[in-house]
Amino acid sequence: LPSSARVFLLSLAVVDDLGAIVLIAVLFTTGFNLVAAAVAVV
């Protein structure tokens, strides 16, 4: 298959993973520790 097919699949999977990451962050956050969040941001 042309290399463009592989690039399409890789790009699709990368964007797909980003969407899944957003879902994980939104749906599966249990509680929220503001102090820990501040440390993470810093």
PDB file of all heavy atoms in Angstrom:
ATOM      1  N   LEU A   1       0.837  -1.194   0.000  1.00  0.00           N
ATOM      2  CA  LEU A   1       0.000   0.000   0.000  1.00  0.00           C
ATOM      3  C   LEU A   1       0.875   1.249   0.000  1.00  0.00           C
ATOM      4  O   LEU A   1       2.002   1.229   0.529  1.00  0.00           O
ATOM      5  CB  LEU A   1      -0.923   0.014   1.226  1.00  0.00           C
ATOM      6  CG  LEU A   1      -2.338  -0.530   1.017  1.00  0.00           C
ATOM      7  CD1 LEU A   1      -2.294  -2.036   0.761  1.00  0.00           C
ATOM      8  CD2 LEU A   1      -3.227  -0.224   2.207  1.00  0.00           C
ATOM      9  N   PRO A   2       0.403   2.335  -0.597  1.00  0.00           N
ATOM     10  CA  PRO A   2       1.214   3.565  -0.607  1.00  0.00           C
ATOM     11  C   PRO A   2       1.480   4.066   0.804  1.00  0.00           C
ATOM     12  O   PRO A   2       0.686   3.842   1.724  1.00  0.00           O
ATOM     13  CB  PRO A   2       0.350   4.548  -1.405  1.00  0.00           C
ATOM     14  CG  PRO A   2      -1.031   3.998  -1.354  1.00  0.00           C
ATOM     15  CD  PRO A   2      -0.885   2.502  -1.279  1.00  0.00           C
ATOM     16  N   SER A   3       2.598   4.755   0.961  1.00  0.00           N
ATOM     17  CA  SER A   3       2.965   5.259   2.285  1.00  0.00           C
ATOM     18  C   SER A   3       1.923   6.223   2.817  1.00  0.00           C
ATOM     19  O   SER A   3       1.762   6.370   4.035  1.00  0.00           O
ATOM     20  CB  SER A   3       4.332   5.943   2.229  1.00  0.00           C
ATOM     21  OG  SER A   3       4.310   7.035   1.315  1.00  0.00           O
ATOM     22  N   SER A   4       1.183   6.869   1.916  1.00  0.00           N
ATOM     23  CA  SER A   4       0.150   7.808   2.355  1.00  0.00           C
ATOM     24  C   SER A   4      -0.933   7.097   3.161  1.00  0.00           C
ATOM     25  O   SER A   4      -1.548   7.700   4.049  1.00  0.00           O
ATOM     26  CB  SER A   4      -0.489   8.506   1.142  1.00  0.00           C
ATOM     27  OG  SER A   4      -1.046   7.546   0.253  1.00  0.00           O
ATOM     28  N   ALA A   5      -1.180   5.800   2.866  1.00  0.00           N
ATOM     29  CA  ALA A   5      -2.171   5.034   3.639  1.00  0.00           C
ATOM     30  C   ALA A   5      -1.690   4.844   5.067  1.00  0.00           C
ATOM     31  O   ALA A   5      -2.479   4.941   6.019  1.00  0.00           O
ATOM     32  CB  ALA A   5      -2.424   3.685   2.980  1.00  0.00           C
ATOM     33  N   ARG A   6      -0.395   4.580   5.239  1.00  0.00           N
ATOM     34  CA  ARG A   6       0.165   4.401   6.576  1.00  0.00           C
ATOM     35  C   ARG A   6       0.134   5.721   7.347  1.00  0.00           C
ATOM     36  O   ARG A   6      -0.167   5.738   8.549  1.00  0.00           O
ATOM     37  CB  ARG A   6       1.591   3.864   6.477  1.00  0.00           C
ATOM     38  CG  ARG A   6       1.678   2.488   5.828  1.00  0.00           C
ATOM     39  CD  ARG A   6       3.144   2.075   5.651  1.00  0.00           C
ATOM     40  NE  ARG A   6       3.269   0.736   5.107  1.00  0.00           N
ATOM     41  CZ  ARG A   6       3.173   0.427   3.810  1.00  0.00           C
ATOM     42  NH1 ARG A   6       2.945   1.391   2.934  1.00  0.00           N
ATOM     43  NH2 ARG A   6       3.290  -0.807   3.398  1.00  0.00           N
ATOM     44  N   VAL A   7       0.460   6.810   6.660  1.00  0.00           N
ATOM     45  CA  VAL A   7       0.429   8.121   7.309  1.00  0.00           C
ATOM     46  C   VAL A   7      -0.991   8.456   7.754  1.00  0.00           C
ATOM     47  O   VAL A   7      -1.215   8.978   8.860  1.00  0.00           O
ATOM     48  CB  VAL A   7       0.969   9.210   6.346  1.00  0.00           C
ATOM     49  CG1 VAL A   7       0.757  10.603   6.936  1.00  0.00           C
ATOM     50  CG2 VAL A   7       2.446   8.975   6.063  1.00  0.00           C
ATOM     51  N   PHE A   8      -1.972   8.131   6.914  1.00  0.00           N
ATOM     52  CA  PHE A   8      -3.378   8.374   7.268  1.00  0.00           C
ATOM     53  C   PHE A   8      -3.750   7.604   8.526  1.00  0.00           C
ATOM     54  O   PHE A   8      -4.362   8.159   9.451  1.00  0.00           O
ATOM     55  CB  PHE A   8      -4.281   7.967   6.101  1.00  0.00           C
ATOM     56  CG  PHE A   8      -5.753   7.953   6.439  1.00  0.00           C
ATOM     57  CD1 PHE A   8      -6.482   9.125   6.477  1.00  0.00           C
ATOM     58  CD2 PHE A   8      -6.403   6.753   6.725  1.00  0.00           C
ATOM     59  CE1 PHE A   8      -7.835   9.111   6.796  1.00  0.00           C
ATOM     60  CE2 PHE A   8      -7.745   6.728   7.044  1.00  0.00           C
ATOM     61  CZ  PHE A   8      -8.473   7.911   7.076  1.00  0.00           C
ATOM     62  N   LEU A   9      -3.387   6.317   8.576  1.00  0.00           N
ATOM     63  CA  LEU A   9      -3.748   5.501   9.733  1.00  0.00           C
ATOM     64  C   LEU A   9      -3.051   5.999  10.993  1.00  0.00           C
ATOM     65  O   LEU A   9      -3.674   6.088  12.066  1.00  0.00           O
ATOM     66  CB  LEU A   9      -3.384   4.035   9.479  1.00  0.00           C
ATOM     67  CG  LEU A   9      -3.722   3.066  10.618  1.00  0.00           C
ATOM     68  CD1 LEU A   9      -5.221   3.032  10.878  1.00  0.00           C
ATOM     69  CD2 LEU A   9      -3.198   1.665  10.311  1.00  0.00           C
ATOM     70  N   LEU A  10      -1.763   6.334  10.887  1.00  0.00           N
ATOM     71  CA  LEU A  10      -1.034   6.838  12.051  1.00  0.00           C
ATOM     72  C   LEU A  10      -1.626   8.154  12.541  1.00  0.00           C
ATOM     73  O   LEU A  10      -1.854   8.336  13.739  1.00  0.00           O
ATOM     74  CB  LEU A  10       0.444   7.016  11.718  1.00  0.00           C
ATOM     75  CG  LEU A  10       1.306   7.646  12.822  1.00  0.00           C
ATOM     76  CD1 LEU A  10       1.306   6.781  14.071  1.00  0.00           C
ATOM     77  CD2 LEU A  10       2.729   7.874  12.336  1.00  0.00           C
ATOM     78  N   SER A  11      -1.901   9.075  11.614  1.00  0.00           N
ATOM     79  CA  SER A  11      -2.465  10.370  11.999  1.00  0.00           C
ATOM     80  C   SER A  11      -3.827  10.195  12.642  1.00  0.00           C
ATOM     81  O   SER A  11      -4.143  10.827  13.658  1.00  0.00           O
ATOM     82  CB  SER A  11      -2.570  11.279  10.767  1.00  0.00           C
ATOM     83  OG  SER A  11      -1.308  11.470  10.164  1.00  0.00           O
ATOM     84  N   LEU A  12      -4.646   9.318  12.049  1.00  0.00           N
ATOM     85  CA  LEU A  12      -5.965   9.041  12.611  1.00  0.00           C
ATOM     86  C   LEU A  12      -5.853   8.492  14.028  1.00  0.00           C
ATOM     87  O   LEU A  12      -6.570   8.918  14.936  1.00  0.00           O
ATOM     88  CB  LEU A  12      -6.702   8.054  11.701  1.00  0.00           C
ATOM     89  CG  LEU A  12      -8.125   7.647  12.073  1.00  0.00           C
ATOM     90  CD1 LEU A  12      -8.915   7.313  10.803  1.00  0.00           C
ATOM     91  CD2 LEU A  12      -8.145   6.407  12.972  1.00  0.00           C
ATOM     92  N   ALA A  13      -4.936   7.525  14.213  1.00  0.00           N
ATOM     93  CA  ALA A  13      -4.781   6.906  15.531  1.00  0.00           C
ATOM     94  C   ALA A  13      -4.270   7.901  16.560  1.00  0.00           C
ATOM     95  O   ALA A  13      -4.681   7.868  17.732  1.00  0.00           O
ATOM     96  CB  ALA A  13      -3.835   5.708  15.434  1.00  0.00           C
ATOM     97  N   VAL A  14      -3.379   8.813  16.147  1.00  0.00           N
ATOM     98  CA  VAL A  14      -2.851   9.819  17.067  1.00  0.00           C
ATOM     99  C   VAL A  14      -3.959  10.770  17.515  1.00  0.00           C
ATOM    100  O   VAL A  14      -4.116  11.073  18.706  1.00  0.00           O
ATOM    101  CB  VAL A  14      -1.685  10.594  16.408  1.00  0.00           C
ATOM    102  CG1 VAL A  14      -1.335  11.825  17.223  1.00  0.00           C
ATOM    103  CG2 VAL A  14      -0.460   9.700  16.277  1.00  0.00           C
ATOM    104  N   VAL A  15      -4.772  11.260  16.552  1.00  0.00           N
ATOM    105  CA  VAL A  15      -5.894  12.139  16.901  1.00  0.00           C
ATOM    106  C   VAL A  15      -6.907  11.389  17.760  1.00  0.00           C
ATOM    107  O   VAL A  15      -7.461  11.919  18.728  1.00  0.00           O
ATOM    108  CB  VAL A  15      -6.569  12.678  15.618  1.00  0.00           C
ATOM    109  CG1 VAL A  15      -7.806  13.502  15.966  1.00  0.00           C
ATOM    110  CG2 VAL A  15      -5.591  13.526  14.826  1.00  0.00           C
ATOM    111  N   ASP A  16      -7.139  10.126  17.410  1.00  0.00           N
ATOM    112  CA  ASP A  16      -8.051   9.274  18.173  1.00  0.00           C
ATOM    113  C   ASP A  16      -7.590   9.147  19.618  1.00  0.00           C
ATOM    114  O   ASP A  16      -8.390   9.230  20.554  1.00  0.00           O
ATOM    115  CB  ASP A  16      -8.103   7.902  17.503  1.00  0.00           C
ATOM    116  CG  ASP A  16      -9.240   7.036  18.010  1.00  0.00           C
ATOM    117  OD1 ASP A  16      -9.150   6.570  19.157  1.00  0.00           O
ATOM    118  OD2 ASP A  16     -10.198   6.824  17.251  1.00  0.00           O
ATOM    119  N   ASP A  17      -6.288   8.928  19.808  1.00  0.00           N
ATOM    120  CA  ASP A  17      -5.740   8.831  21.162  1.00  0.00           C
ATOM    121  C   ASP A  17      -5.939  10.128  21.935  1.00  0.00           C
ATOM    122  O   ASP A  17      -6.222  10.103  23.142  1.00  0.00           O
ATOM    123  CB  ASP A  17      -4.253   8.478  21.115  1.00  0.00           C
ATOM    124  CG  ASP A  17      -4.019   6.982  21.058  1.00  0.00           C
ATOM    125  OD1 ASP A  17      -4.998   6.223  21.218  1.00  0.00           O
ATOM    126  OD2 ASP A  17      -2.874   6.569  20.847  1.00  0.00           O
ATOM    127  N   LEU A  18      -5.762  11.253  21.252  1.00  0.00           N
ATOM    128  CA  LEU A  18      -5.972  12.540  21.923  1.00  0.00           C
ATOM    129  C   LEU A  18      -7.411  12.652  22.404  1.00  0.00           C
ATOM    130  O   LEU A  18      -7.673  13.079  23.541  1.00  0.00           O
ATOM    131  CB  LEU A  18      -5.638  13.689  20.973  1.00  0.00           C
ATOM    132  CG  LEU A  18      -5.850  15.102  21.535  1.00  0.00           C
ATOM    133  CD1 LEU A  18      -4.962  15.339  22.739  1.00  0.00           C
ATOM    134  CD2 LEU A  18      -5.594  16.154  20.470  1.00  0.00           C
ATOM    135  N   GLY A  19      -8.371  12.248  21.552  1.00  0.00           N
ATOM    136  CA  GLY A  19      -9.768  12.280  21.959  1.00  0.00           C
ATOM    137  C   GLY A  19     -10.036  11.368  23.138  1.00  0.00           C
ATOM    138  O   GLY A  19     -10.773  11.730  24.073  1.00  0.00           O
ATOM    139  N   ALA A  20      -9.426  10.172  23.115  1.00  0.00           N
ATOM    140  CA  ALA A  20      -9.605   9.239  24.229  1.00  0.00           C
ATOM    141  C   ALA A  20      -9.010   9.802  25.515  1.00  0.00           C
ATOM    142  O   ALA A  20      -9.573   9.625  26.607  1.00  0.00           O
ATOM    143  CB  ALA A  20      -8.949   7.905  23.885  1.00  0.00           C
ATOM    144  N   ILE A  21      -7.900  10.503  25.389  1.00  0.00           N
ATOM    145  CA  ILE A  21      -7.261  11.111  26.560  1.00  0.00           C
ATOM    146  C   ILE A  21      -8.184  12.163  27.184  1.00  0.00           C
ATOM    147  O   ILE A  21      -8.336  12.242  28.407  1.00  0.00           O
ATOM    148  CB  ILE A  21      -5.914  11.752  26.154  1.00  0.00           C
ATOM    149  CG1 ILE A  21      -4.891  10.658  25.837  1.00  0.00           C
ATOM    150  CG2 ILE A  21      -5.381  12.655  27.258  1.00  0.00           C
ATOM    151  CD1 ILE A  21      -3.727  11.153  25.001  1.00  0.00           C
ATOM    152  N   VAL A  22      -8.815  12.969  26.327  1.00  0.00           N
ATOM    153  CA  VAL A  22      -9.756  13.978  26.827  1.00  0.00           C
ATOM    154  C   VAL A  22     -10.914  13.299  27.547  1.00  0.00           C
ATOM    155  O   VAL A  22     -11.345  13.740  28.627  1.00  0.00           O
ATOM    156  CB  VAL A  22     -10.263  14.852  25.664  1.00  0.00           C
ATOM    157  CG1 VAL A  22     -11.387  15.778  26.136  1.00  0.00           C
ATOM    158  CG2 VAL A  22      -9.128  15.670  25.067  1.00  0.00           C
ATOM    159  N   LEU A  23     -11.434  12.214  26.977  1.00  0.00           N
ATOM    160  CA  LEU A  23     -12.536  11.494  27.612  1.00  0.00           C
ATOM    161  C   LEU A  23     -12.123  10.941  28.967  1.00  0.00           C
ATOM    162  O   LEU A  23     -12.894  10.988  29.934  1.00  0.00           O
ATOM    163  CB  LEU A  23     -13.018  10.359  26.707  1.00  0.00           C
ATOM    164  CG  LEU A  23     -13.820  10.761  25.468  1.00  0.00           C
ATOM    165  CD1 LEU A  23     -14.193   9.529  24.658  1.00  0.00           C
ATOM    166  CD2 LEU A  23     -15.073  11.522  25.866  1.00  0.00           C
ATOM    167  N   ILE A  24     -10.908  10.380  29.033  1.00  0.00           N
ATOM    168  CA  ILE A  24     -10.417   9.842  30.303  1.00  0.00           C
ATOM    169  C   ILE A  24     -10.356  10.953  31.356  1.00  0.00           C
ATOM    170  O   ILE A  24     -10.766  10.767  32.509  1.00  0.00           O
ATOM    171  CB  ILE A  24      -9.037   9.186  30.114  1.00  0.00           C
ATOM    172  CG1 ILE A  24      -9.184   7.883  29.299  1.00  0.00           C
ATOM    173  CG2 ILE A  24      -8.381   8.889  31.459  1.00  0.00           C
ATOM    174  CD1 ILE A  24      -7.858   7.287  28.873  1.00  0.00           C
ATOM    175  N   ALA A  25      -9.846  12.111  30.941  1.00  0.00           N
ATOM    176  CA  ALA A  25      -9.723  13.234  31.889  1.00  0.00           C
ATOM    177  C   ALA A  25     -11.088  13.724  32.356  1.00  0.00           C
ATOM    178  O   ALA A  25     -11.270  14.057  33.534  1.00  0.00           O
ATOM    179  CB  ALA A  25      -8.950  14.370  31.237  1.00  0.00           C
ATOM    180  N   VAL A  26     -12.079  13.755  31.450  1.00  0.00           N
ATOM    181  CA  VAL A  26     -13.390  14.301  31.785  1.00  0.00           C
ATOM    182  C   VAL A  26     -14.250  13.288  32.537  1.00  0.00           C
ATOM    183  O   VAL A  26     -14.879  13.613  33.548  1.00  0.00           O
ATOM    184  CB  VAL A  26     -14.121  14.759  30.503  1.00  0.00           C
ATOM    185  CG1 VAL A  26     -15.565  15.146  30.809  1.00  0.00           C
ATOM    186  CG2 VAL A  26     -13.385  15.930  29.865  1.00  0.00           C
ATOM    187  N   LEU A  27     -14.262  12.044  32.074  1.00  0.00           N
ATOM    188  CA  LEU A  27     -15.199  11.055  32.615  1.00  0.00           C
ATOM    189  C   LEU A  27     -14.699  10.353  33.865  1.00  0.00           C
ATOM    190  O   LEU A  27     -15.502   9.919  34.694  1.00  0.00           O
ATOM    191  CB  LEU A  27     -15.510   9.995  31.551  1.00  0.00           C
ATOM    192  CG  LEU A  27     -16.260  10.457  30.300  1.00  0.00           C
ATOM    193  CD1 LEU A  27     -16.427   9.295  29.333  1.00  0.00           C
ATOM    194  CD2 LEU A  27     -17.615  11.026  30.676  1.00  0.00           C
ATOM    195  N   PHE A  28     -13.383  10.227  34.001  1.00  0.00           N
ATOM    196  CA  PHE A  28     -12.865   9.352  35.048  1.00  0.00           C
ATOM    197  C   PHE A  28     -12.007  10.096  36.071  1.00  0.00           C
ATOM    198  O   PHE A  28     -11.066   9.538  36.635  1.00  0.00           O
ATOM    199  CB  PHE A  28     -12.091   8.189  34.426  1.00  0.00           C
ATOM    200  CG  PHE A  28     -12.912   7.438  33.416  1.00  0.00           C
ATOM    201  CD1 PHE A  28     -12.585   7.471  32.074  1.00  0.00           C
ATOM    202  CD2 PHE A  28     -14.034   6.732  33.802  1.00  0.00           C
ATOM    203  CE1 PHE A  28     -13.355   6.793  31.140  1.00  0.00           C
ATOM    204  CE2 PHE A  28     -14.805   6.052  32.876  1.00  0.00           C
ATOM    205  CZ  PHE A  28     -14.466   6.084  31.539  1.00  0.00           C
ATOM    206  N   THR A  29     -12.326  11.357  36.275  1.00  0.00           N
ATOM    207  CA  THR A  29     -11.690  12.118  37.343  1.00  0.00           C
ATOM    208  C   THR A  29     -12.494  11.902  38.626  1.00  0.00           C
ATOM    209  O   THR A  29     -13.692  12.184  38.663  1.00  0.00           O
ATOM    210  CB  THR A  29     -11.651  13.615  36.999  1.00  0.00           C
ATOM    211  OG1 THR A  29     -10.813  13.805  35.857  1.00  0.00           O
ATOM    212  CG2 THR A  29     -11.092  14.414  38.162  1.00  0.00           C
ATOM    213  N   THR A  30     -11.842  11.350  39.640  1.00  0.00           N
ATOM    214  CA  THR A  30     -12.518  11.047  40.906  1.00  0.00           C
ATOM    215  C   THR A  30     -12.131  12.099  41.938  1.00  0.00           C
ATOM    216  O   THR A  30     -11.011  12.106  42.450  1.00  0.00           O
ATOM    217  CB  THR A  30     -12.113   9.652  41.401  1.00  0.00           C
ATOM    218  OG1 THR A  30     -10.691   9.592  41.504  1.00  0.00           O
ATOM    219  CG2 THR A  30     -12.580   8.588  40.429  1.00  0.00           C
ATOM    220  N   GLY A  31     -13.061  13.006  42.245  1.00  0.00           N
ATOM    221  CA  GLY A  31     -12.720  14.079  43.171  1.00  0.00           C
ATOM    222  C   GLY A  31     -11.738  15.032  42.520  1.00  0.00           C
ATOM    223  O   GLY A  31     -11.426  14.924  41.338  1.00  0.00           O
ATOM    224  N   PHE A  32     -11.234  15.979  43.295  1.00  0.00           N
ATOM    225  CA  PHE A  32     -10.239  16.901  42.740  1.00  0.00           C
ATOM    226  C   PHE A  32      -9.486  17.555  43.880  1.00  0.00           C
ATOM    227  O   PHE A  32     -10.084  18.193  44.751  1.00  0.00           O
ATOM    228  CB  PHE A  32     -10.903  17.965  41.862  1.00  0.00           C
ATOM    229  CG  PHE A  32      -9.940  18.712  41.000  1.00  0.00           C
ATOM    230  CD1 PHE A  32      -9.350  18.097  39.901  1.00  0.00           C
ATOM    231  CD2 PHE A  32      -9.610  20.025  41.294  1.00  0.00           C
ATOM    232  CE1 PHE A  32      -8.453  18.783  39.098  1.00  0.00           C
ATOM    233  CE2 PHE A  32      -8.709  20.720  40.501  1.00  0.00           C
ATOM    234  CZ  PHE A  32      -8.134  20.102  39.393  1.00  0.00           C
ATOM    235  N   ASN A  33      -8.171  17.373  43.876  1.00  0.00           N
ATOM    236  CA  ASN A  33      -7.308  17.919  44.910  1.00  0.00           C
ATOM    237  C   ASN A  33      -6.665  19.190  44.368  1.00  0.00           C
ATOM    238  O   ASN A  33      -5.784  19.129  43.494  1.00  0.00           O
ATOM    239  CB  ASN A  33      -6.248  16.882  45.296  1.00  0.00           C
ATOM    240  CG  ASN A  33      -5.407  17.322  46.473  1.00  0.00           C
ATOM    241  OD1 ASN A  33      -4.982  18.470  46.556  1.00  0.00           O
ATOM    242  ND2 ASN A  33      -5.164  16.394  47.393  1.00  0.00           N
ATOM    243  N   LEU A  34      -7.108  20.347  44.862  1.00  0.00           N
ATOM    244  CA  LEU A  34      -6.626  21.625  44.337  1.00  0.00           C
ATOM    245  C   LEU A  34      -5.141  21.833  44.586  1.00  0.00           C
ATOM    246  O   LEU A  34      -4.423  22.374  43.741  1.00  0.00           O
ATOM    247  CB  LEU A  34      -7.426  22.776  44.950  1.00  0.00           C
ATOM    248  CG  LEU A  34      -8.846  22.990  44.402  1.00  0.00           C
ATOM    249  CD1 LEU A  34      -9.559  24.065  45.194  1.00  0.00           C
ATOM    250  CD2 LEU A  34      -8.795  23.347  42.925  1.00  0.00           C
ATOM    251  N   VAL A  35      -4.649  21.415  45.752  1.00  0.00           N
ATOM    252  CA  VAL A  35      -3.229  21.597  46.069  1.00  0.00           C
ATOM    253  C   VAL A  35      -2.365  20.791  45.098  1.00  0.00           C
ATOM    254  O   VAL A  35      -1.385  21.298  44.534  1.00  0.00           O
ATOM    255  CB  VAL A  35      -2.940  21.177  47.526  1.00  0.00           C
ATOM    256  CG1 VAL A  35      -1.439  21.249  47.804  1.00  0.00           C
ATOM    257  CG2 VAL A  35      -3.708  22.066  48.497  1.00  0.00           C
ATOM    258  N   ALA A  36      -2.746  19.526  44.895  1.00  0.00           N
ATOM    259  CA  ALA A  36      -1.993  18.687  43.963  1.00  0.00           C
ATOM    260  C   ALA A  36      -2.066  19.257  42.553  1.00  0.00           C
ATOM    261  O   ALA A  36      -1.079  19.232  41.801  1.00  0.00           O
ATOM    262  CB  ALA A  36      -2.523  17.258  43.994  1.00  0.00           C
ATOM    263  N   ALA A  37      -3.234  19.784  42.169  1.00  0.00           N
ATOM    264  CA  ALA A  37      -3.382  20.378  40.839  1.00  0.00           C
ATOM    265  C   ALA A  37      -2.468  21.584  40.680  1.00  0.00           C
ATOM    266  O   ALA A  37      -1.857  21.783  39.624  1.00  0.00           O
ATOM    267  CB  ALA A  37      -4.838  20.776  40.603  1.00  0.00           C
ATOM    268  N   ALA A  38      -2.353  22.396  41.732  1.00  0.00           N
ATOM    269  CA  ALA A  38      -1.478  23.568  41.680  1.00  0.00           C
ATOM    270  C   ALA A  38      -0.019  23.144  41.525  1.00  0.00           C
ATOM    271  O   ALA A  38       0.744  23.745  40.751  1.00  0.00           O
ATOM    272  CB  ALA A  38      -1.660  24.406  42.943  1.00  0.00           C
ATOM    273  N   VAL A  39       0.378  22.085  42.253  1.00  0.00           N
ATOM    274  CA  VAL A  39       1.744  21.567  42.129  1.00  0.00           C
ATOM    275  C   VAL A  39       1.995  21.085  40.701  1.00  0.00           C
ATOM    276  O   VAL A  39       3.055  21.344  40.113  1.00  0.00           O
ATOM    277  CB  VAL A  39       1.982  20.429  43.140  1.00  0.00           C
ATOM    278  CG1 VAL A  39       3.338  19.770  42.888  1.00  0.00           C
ATOM    279  CG2 VAL A  39       1.903  20.959  44.569  1.00  0.00           C
ATOM    280  N   ALA A  40       1.008  20.389  40.137  1.00  0.00           N
ATOM    281  CA  ALA A  40       1.156  19.884  38.771  1.00  0.00           C
ATOM    282  C   ALA A  40       1.312  21.028  37.777  1.00  0.00           C
ATOM    283  O   ALA A  40       2.163  20.972  36.875  1.00  0.00           O
ATOM    284  CB  ALA A  40      -0.055  19.017  38.401  1.00  0.00           C
ATOM    285  N   VAL A  41       0.505  22.074  37.925  1.00  0.00           N
ATOM    286  CA  VAL A  41       0.576  23.217  37.009  1.00  0.00           C
ATOM    287  C   VAL A  41       1.938  23.904  37.111  1.00  0.00           C
ATOM    288  O   VAL A  41       2.555  24.248  36.088  1.00  0.00           O
ATOM    289  CB  VAL A  41      -0.565  24.209  37.306  1.00  0.00           C
ATOM    290  CG1 VAL A  41      -0.343  25.526  36.547  1.00  0.00           C
ATOM    291  CG2 VAL A  41      -1.908  23.605  36.926  1.00  0.00           C
ATOM    292  N   VAL A  42       2.424  24.115  38.345  1.00  0.00           N
ATOM    293  CA  VAL A  42       3.730  24.753  38.537  1.00  0.00           C
ATOM    294  C   VAL A  42       4.844  23.895  37.934  1.00  0.00           C
ATOM    295  O   VAL A  42       5.749  24.404  37.248  1.00  0.00           O
ATOM    296  CB  VAL A  42       3.992  24.997  40.036  1.00  0.00           C
ATOM    297  CG1 VAL A  42       5.431  25.445  40.259  1.00  0.00           C
ATOM    298  CG2 VAL A  42       3.024  26.043  40.579  1.00  0.00           C
TER     299      VAL A  42
END
